[in-house]
Amino acid sequence: MMKCLDACGRRISYLRLSLTSQCNLRCCYCLPNGCAGLALAQRQISPGEIVRLGRAFAGLGFSKIRLSGGEPTLRPDLIQIIALLSSLSKIAQLALTTNGLTLAALAKPLFGAGLRGLNISLDSLRPGIFARITGEDKLDEVFDGLEAAYAAGFKWLKVNTVLLGGINDHEVEDFIEFVRQRPVTVRFIELMQTGNNRAFFLQHHLSVAPLAARLAADGWCPKPRSALDGPAVEYEHPDYLGRVGIIAPYCENYCSSCNRLRIDAFASLRLCLFGRRSFPLRPLLASDGQQDELKAIVRSLLKKKSSGHSLLSGKTGITANLAQIGG
């Protein structure tokens, strides 16, 4: 199989593809004012463009695609997009990140279209705190979505929890208990600074690094990593059916195992979540006959991928909020 290596010798095999920058929540760390009134400046990426991207990246040796947003379930053509991408034989893993609000109705058709990986954003297990964080009193809808995902056939689910000092950090034990009898991985994600959330970040940022020592003291052991794993370090415990993960972007070696590229909802390539520029690919997505040129451009751009982000020095690149590109 072809391998794509960047300038640092890292094998890049994982594509994160944003379907929309729109969202139906107003999370305090991302879009506290919501998307109301935010008109789309460009046409969002189409199913035809998406499948051409999928074919090209599969031809480059990419074997994992994760669809994100914003909130990708706002796309009315989501099932069509899943079906198109799941038909690409070289893509071993096709996954989706969602806030789960519409999952009760969508879980079965998503699974039927070929989706097998599902990440659900869930920042609190308590209705009042959930409403405070997301701007919506809809925790029950997320739980209904989780149950629907199990019933549809998703055998292993991941829950993404952004740890917020003074807001939900007292729920760590609750989340760990949540996985005792559930085939779920709860991943604690360190709050990241973006262009628009500096004041919030300074008030609520909390390092997740100390959680690793805490888990080790309680008998949790790191799970062996695979080549397609994302940035989370996952832990297992013999007394728990589920797992616990830690995503710590402010650790100095965080980027050493980076295996990802990102495409935003307008078909531009991002080499890093916090990079300083994007590279438009739409001109190369008009026809099937442009595949070789598209792959050549991606290979050349890979050489520009930096060794790491600059979050430790407060530089957030062009990412104003995470809904722009997906976390």
Protein backbone atom coordinates (compact mmCIF):
# COMPACT_ATOMS: atom_id res chain seq x y z
CA MET A 1 0.00 0.00 0.00
CA MET A 2 1.18 3.51 -0.84
CA LYS A 3 2.39 5.52 2.14
CA CYS A 4 2.10 9.27 2.56
CA LEU A 5 4.89 10.70 4.68
CA ASP A 6 5.25 14.30 5.77
CA ALA A 7 8.50 16.23 6.14
CA CYS A 8 8.92 14.82 9.67
CA GLY A 9 8.60 11.22 8.47
CA ARG A 10 5.17 10.75 10.03
CA ARG A 11 2.81 8.49 8.09
CA ILE A 12 -0.39 10.44 7.31
CA SER A 13 -3.35 8.12 6.79
CA TYR A 14 -6.32 9.76 8.52
CA LEU A 15 -8.56 12.40 6.91
CA ARG A 16 -10.94 14.55 8.93
CA LEU A 17 -13.58 16.01 6.64
CA SER A 18 -15.94 18.77 7.77
CA LEU A 19 -19.38 18.71 6.14
CA THR A 20 -20.64 22.03 7.50
CA SER A 21 -19.54 24.90 9.72
CA GLN A 22 -23.10 25.26 11.03
CA CYS A 23 -24.22 23.86 14.41
CA ASN A 24 -27.47 23.53 16.38
CA LEU A 25 -25.85 24.07 19.79
CA ARG A 26 -24.29 27.15 21.40
CA CYS A 27 -21.43 25.63 23.37
CA CYS A 28 -19.75 28.16 25.64
CA TYR A 29 -16.23 27.26 24.46
CA CYS A 30 -17.00 27.23 20.74
CA LEU A 31 -20.08 29.11 19.50
CA PRO A 32 -21.66 30.82 22.54
CA ASN A 33 -23.72 33.05 20.24
CA GLY A 34 -24.70 30.20 17.94
CA CYS A 35 -24.82 30.24 14.15
CA ALA A 36 -27.84 32.52 13.81
CA GLY A 37 -27.13 35.20 11.24
CA LEU A 38 -23.87 33.61 10.12
CA ALA A 39 -24.40 33.29 6.40
CA LEU A 40 -22.28 30.78 4.51
CA ALA A 41 -19.80 32.78 2.47
CA GLN A 42 -19.20 29.89 0.06
CA ARG A 43 -21.00 26.84 -1.25
CA GLN A 44 -20.43 23.92 1.08
CA ILE A 45 -18.68 20.84 -0.21
CA SER A 46 -20.97 18.66 -2.38
CA PRO A 47 -21.40 14.86 -2.38
CA GLY A 48 -19.62 14.67 -5.75
CA GLU A 49 -16.65 16.63 -4.42
CA ILE A 50 -16.60 14.51 -1.27
CA VAL A 51 -16.43 11.20 -3.11
CA ARG A 52 -13.66 12.54 -5.39
CA LEU A 53 -11.72 13.54 -2.30
CA GLY A 54 -12.35 10.11 -0.80
CA ARG A 55 -11.06 8.32 -3.88
CA ALA A 56 -7.98 10.51 -4.11
CA PHE A 57 -7.01 10.13 -0.45
CA ALA A 58 -7.69 6.39 -0.57
CA GLY A 59 -5.34 6.26 -3.56
CA LEU A 60 -2.72 8.03 -1.44
CA GLY A 61 -2.91 5.33 1.22
CA PHE A 62 -5.38 6.97 3.57
CA SER A 63 -7.56 4.34 5.23
CA LYS A 64 -9.61 6.33 7.75
CA ILE A 65 -12.09 9.16 7.19
CA ARG A 66 -13.94 10.95 9.98
CA LEU A 67 -16.82 13.27 9.11
CA SER A 68 -17.27 16.27 11.38
CA GLY A 69 -18.57 19.83 11.50
CA GLY A 70 -20.03 22.04 12.95
CA GLU A 71 -22.77 19.47 13.28
CA PRO A 72 -22.66 17.08 10.31
CA THR A 73 -26.17 15.72 10.88
CA LEU A 74 -27.51 19.11 9.73
CA ARG A 75 -26.62 18.04 6.19
CA PRO A 76 -29.82 16.68 4.54
CA ASP A 77 -27.65 14.58 2.22
CA LEU A 78 -25.65 12.95 5.04
CA ILE A 79 -26.91 9.40 4.36
CA GLN A 80 -26.01 9.77 0.68
CA ILE A 81 -22.52 10.96 1.63
CA ILE A 82 -22.01 8.02 4.02
CA ALA A 83 -23.13 5.55 1.35
CA LEU A 84 -20.76 7.02 -1.23
CA LEU A 85 -17.74 6.94 1.09
CA SER A 86 -18.50 3.50 2.51
CA SER A 87 -18.35 2.09 -1.03
CA LEU A 88 -14.64 2.97 -1.27
CA SER A 89 -12.96 -0.37 -0.61
CA LYS A 90 -9.64 1.11 0.54
CA ILE A 91 -11.24 3.07 3.39
CA ALA A 92 -11.08 0.71 6.37
CA GLN A 93 -12.69 3.07 8.89
CA LEU A 94 -15.51 5.52 8.26
CA ALA A 95 -16.60 7.47 11.32
CA LEU A 96 -18.72 10.45 12.34
CA THR A 97 -18.56 12.97 15.18
CA THR A 98 -21.93 14.38 16.27
CA ASN A 99 -23.56 16.10 19.23
CA GLY A 100 -26.16 13.33 19.21
CA LEU A 101 -29.28 15.51 19.22
CA THR A 102 -30.76 13.85 16.11
CA LEU A 103 -29.14 10.46 16.56
CA ALA A 104 -32.31 8.77 17.82
CA ALA A 105 -33.77 9.08 14.33
CA LEU A 106 -30.54 8.83 12.33
CA ALA A 107 -28.62 5.98 14.01
CA LYS A 108 -30.30 3.19 12.06
CA PRO A 109 -30.03 4.79 8.59
CA LEU A 110 -26.43 5.83 9.30
CA PHE A 111 -25.50 2.26 10.17
CA GLY A 112 -27.42 0.98 7.15
CA ALA A 113 -25.46 3.33 4.87
CA GLY A 114 -22.17 1.86 6.09
CA LEU A 115 -21.07 4.04 9.01
CA ARG A 116 -19.36 2.04 11.75
CA GLY A 117 -17.57 4.58 13.99
CA LEU A 118 -19.49 7.08 16.07
CA ASN A 119 -18.19 9.79 18.42
CA ILE A 120 -20.74 11.71 20.49
CA SER A 121 -19.94 15.04 22.12
CA LEU A 122 -21.20 14.98 25.70
CA ASP A 123 -19.75 17.50 28.15
CA SER A 124 -21.96 16.74 31.15
CA LEU A 125 -24.14 13.96 32.54
CA ARG A 126 -26.23 16.48 34.50
CA PRO A 127 -29.11 18.31 32.77
CA GLY A 128 -28.43 21.72 34.33
CA ILE A 129 -24.72 21.72 33.53
CA PHE A 130 -25.36 20.30 30.05
CA ALA A 131 -27.73 23.22 29.38
CA ARG A 132 -25.20 25.72 30.74
CA ILE A 133 -22.45 24.40 28.46
CA THR A 134 -24.46 23.84 25.28
CA GLY A 135 -27.16 26.49 25.56
CA GLU A 136 -29.86 23.81 25.19
CA ASP A 137 -31.73 21.68 27.74
CA LYS A 138 -31.52 18.55 25.59
CA LEU A 139 -29.47 16.01 27.51
CA ASP A 140 -32.29 13.45 27.24
CA GLU A 141 -32.08 13.62 23.43
CA VAL A 142 -28.38 12.72 23.58
CA PHE A 143 -29.07 9.74 25.86
CA ASP A 144 -31.85 8.63 23.49
CA GLY A 145 -29.34 8.86 20.66
CA LEU A 146 -26.85 6.68 22.53
CA GLU A 147 -29.49 4.01 23.06
CA ALA A 148 -30.54 4.20 19.41
CA ALA A 149 -26.91 3.75 18.33
CA TYR A 150 -26.60 0.55 20.38
CA ALA A 151 -29.88 -0.72 18.95
CA ALA A 152 -28.81 0.09 15.39
CA GLY A 153 -25.71 -2.09 15.66
CA PHE A 154 -22.88 0.25 16.66
CA LYS A 155 -20.84 -2.03 18.90
CA TRP A 156 -18.43 0.49 20.36
CA LEU A 157 -19.12 4.18 20.94
CA LYS A 158 -16.88 7.07 21.92
CA VAL A 159 -17.96 10.02 24.03
CA ASN A 160 -16.00 13.27 23.80
CA THR A 161 -15.96 15.39 26.97
CA VAL A 162 -14.22 18.76 26.99
CA LEU A 163 -12.95 19.29 30.53
CA LEU A 164 -13.84 22.77 31.79
CA GLY A 165 -12.40 24.01 35.06
CA GLY A 166 -15.11 25.19 37.44
CA ILE A 167 -17.92 23.89 35.22
CA ASN A 168 -17.75 20.12 34.71
CA ASP A 169 -14.41 19.01 36.19
CA HIS A 170 -16.22 17.62 39.26
CA GLU A 171 -17.92 15.07 36.98
CA VAL A 172 -14.76 13.10 36.15
CA GLU A 173 -15.70 10.27 38.51
CA ASP A 174 -19.25 10.23 37.14
CA PHE A 175 -17.95 9.77 33.61
CA ILE A 176 -15.56 7.02 34.69
CA GLU A 177 -18.45 5.24 36.41
CA PHE A 178 -20.48 5.73 33.20
CA VAL A 179 -18.21 3.26 31.37
CA ARG A 180 -18.29 0.55 34.05
CA GLN A 181 -21.12 -1.37 32.37
CA ARG A 182 -21.15 0.25 28.92
CA PRO A 183 -19.03 -0.48 25.80
CA VAL A 184 -18.08 3.19 25.57
CA THR A 185 -14.82 5.11 25.59
CA VAL A 186 -15.10 8.42 27.41
CA ARG A 187 -12.34 10.74 26.21
CA PHE A 188 -11.46 13.74 28.36
CA ILE A 189 -10.33 16.53 26.04
CA GLU A 190 -8.29 19.49 27.23
CA LEU A 191 -9.90 22.82 26.37
CA MET A 192 -8.07 24.43 23.45
CA GLN A 193 -7.71 28.14 22.81
CA THR A 194 -9.11 29.41 19.50
CA GLY A 195 -9.22 32.84 17.95
CA ASN A 196 -12.55 33.71 19.55
CA ASN A 197 -12.41 32.11 23.02
CA ARG A 198 -9.29 33.54 24.67
CA ALA A 199 -11.09 35.01 27.71
CA PHE A 200 -13.08 31.81 28.26
CA PHE A 201 -9.92 29.71 27.82
CA LEU A 202 -7.97 31.71 30.40
CA GLN A 203 -10.80 31.30 32.90
CA HIS A 204 -11.62 27.61 32.40
CA HIS A 205 -8.56 25.86 30.95
CA LEU A 206 -7.55 22.83 32.99
CA SER A 207 -4.73 20.45 32.13
CA VAL A 208 -5.87 16.86 31.65
CA ALA A 209 -2.33 15.51 32.06
CA PRO A 210 -2.73 14.77 35.82
CA LEU A 211 -5.56 12.37 34.93
CA ALA A 212 -3.02 9.88 33.58
CA ALA A 213 -1.38 9.47 36.99
CA ARG A 214 -4.77 9.29 38.64
CA LEU A 215 -5.91 6.52 36.29
CA ALA A 216 -2.67 4.57 36.79
CA ALA A 217 -3.07 4.76 40.56
CA ASP A 218 -6.56 3.28 40.18
CA GLY A 219 -5.38 0.32 38.11
CA TRP A 220 -6.03 1.59 34.58
CA CYS A 221 -3.46 0.53 31.94
CA PRO A 222 -2.73 2.18 28.56
CA LYS A 223 -4.25 0.37 25.61
CA PRO A 224 -1.84 -0.46 22.74
CA ARG A 225 -2.17 2.05 19.90
CA SER A 226 -2.93 1.20 16.28
CA ALA A 227 -1.73 3.08 13.20
CA LEU A 228 -5.19 4.61 12.66
CA ASP A 229 -5.72 5.87 16.20
CA GLY A 230 -6.28 9.56 16.75
CA PRO A 231 -4.56 11.64 19.43
CA ALA A 232 -6.22 10.00 22.44
CA VAL A 233 -4.30 7.78 24.84
CA GLU A 234 -6.85 5.19 25.96
CA TYR A 235 -6.84 3.21 29.21
CA GLU A 236 -8.44 -0.11 30.14
CA HIS A 237 -9.40 -1.62 33.50
CA PRO A 238 -10.41 -5.24 34.21
CA ASP A 239 -13.42 -4.10 36.26
CA TYR A 240 -14.81 -1.82 33.55
CA LEU A 241 -16.45 -2.75 30.27
CA GLY A 242 -15.60 0.61 28.74
CA ARG A 243 -12.43 2.68 28.47
CA VAL A 244 -11.17 6.11 29.41
CA GLY A 245 -9.17 8.30 27.05
CA ILE A 246 -7.12 11.47 27.45
CA ILE A 247 -6.49 14.06 24.72
CA ALA A 248 -3.87 16.50 25.98
CA PRO A 249 -2.93 18.97 23.21
CA TYR A 250 -0.76 21.06 25.55
CA CYS A 251 1.65 18.20 26.25
CA GLU A 252 4.94 18.91 24.50
CA ASN A 253 5.04 15.64 22.53
CA TYR A 254 1.38 15.77 21.48
CA CYS A 255 2.09 16.27 17.76
CA SER A 256 4.83 13.65 17.43
CA SER A 257 2.38 10.95 16.34
CA CYS A 258 0.10 13.16 14.24
CA ASN A 259 -1.37 11.17 11.34
CA ARG A 260 -4.08 13.60 10.17
CA LEU A 261 -5.02 16.09 7.51
CA ARG A 262 -8.24 18.12 7.50
CA ILE A 263 -10.61 19.36 4.82
CA ASP A 264 -13.00 22.15 5.76
CA ALA A 265 -16.63 22.44 4.64
CA PHE A 266 -15.58 24.51 1.62
CA ALA A 267 -13.07 21.97 0.24
CA SER A 268 -9.89 23.60 1.51
CA LEU A 269 -7.06 21.55 2.99
CA ARG A 270 -5.73 22.28 6.48
CA LEU A 271 -2.39 20.70 7.34
CA CYS A 272 -2.96 21.37 11.05
CA LEU A 273 -6.00 22.23 13.16
CA PHE A 274 -4.18 25.39 14.24
CA GLY A 275 -2.29 26.12 11.05
CA ARG A 276 -1.90 29.63 9.64
CA ARG A 277 -3.41 28.98 6.20
CA SER A 278 -5.60 26.68 4.16
CA PHE A 279 -5.18 25.39 0.60
CA PRO A 280 -8.24 25.40 -1.72
CA LEU A 281 -8.80 22.04 -3.44
CA ARG A 282 -12.16 22.81 -5.06
CA PRO A 283 -10.64 23.63 -8.49
CA LEU A 284 -9.35 20.02 -8.56
CA LEU A 285 -12.71 18.45 -7.71
CA ALA A 286 -14.72 19.34 -10.81
CA SER A 287 -14.25 16.01 -12.61
CA ASP A 288 -12.99 12.47 -12.12
CA GLY A 289 -10.18 13.18 -14.58
CA GLN A 290 -8.35 15.41 -12.07
CA GLN A 291 -7.45 12.65 -9.62
CA ASP A 292 -3.75 12.43 -10.48
CA GLU A 293 -3.31 16.20 -10.24
CA LEU A 294 -5.19 16.29 -6.92
CA LYS A 295 -3.02 13.55 -5.43
CA ALA A 296 0.16 15.26 -6.62
CA ILE A 297 -0.91 18.54 -4.98
CA VAL A 298 -1.67 16.80 -1.68
CA ARG A 299 1.72 15.04 -1.72
CA SER A 300 3.52 18.33 -2.29
CA LEU A 301 1.53 20.13 0.43
CA LEU A 302 2.37 17.39 2.92
CA LYS A 303 5.95 18.60 2.84
CA LYS A 304 4.70 21.87 4.35
CA LYS A 305 3.10 20.18 7.38
CA SER A 306 4.78 21.53 10.49
CA SER A 307 6.24 19.41 13.28
CA GLY A 308 3.67 20.77 15.73
CA HIS A 309 1.16 23.45 16.60
CA SER A 310 1.99 26.64 18.52
CA LEU A 311 -0.73 26.48 21.19
CA LEU A 312 1.84 26.60 23.98
CA SER A 313 2.79 30.10 22.83
CA GLY A 314 -0.86 31.16 22.42
CA LYS A 315 -0.88 31.03 18.61
CA THR A 316 -4.15 29.59 17.26
CA GLY A 317 -3.66 30.12 13.53
CA ILE A 318 -6.77 30.79 11.43
CA THR A 319 -9.12 28.73 13.62
CA ALA A 320 -11.62 31.20 15.06
CA ASN A 321 -13.74 28.40 16.54
CA LEU A 322 -13.79 24.63 16.34
CA ALA A 323 -17.06 24.56 14.38
CA GLN A 324 -15.09 25.94 11.41
CA ILE A 325 -13.17 22.74 10.90
CA GLY A 326 -14.04 20.16 13.58
CA GLY A 327 -11.92 19.50 16.66
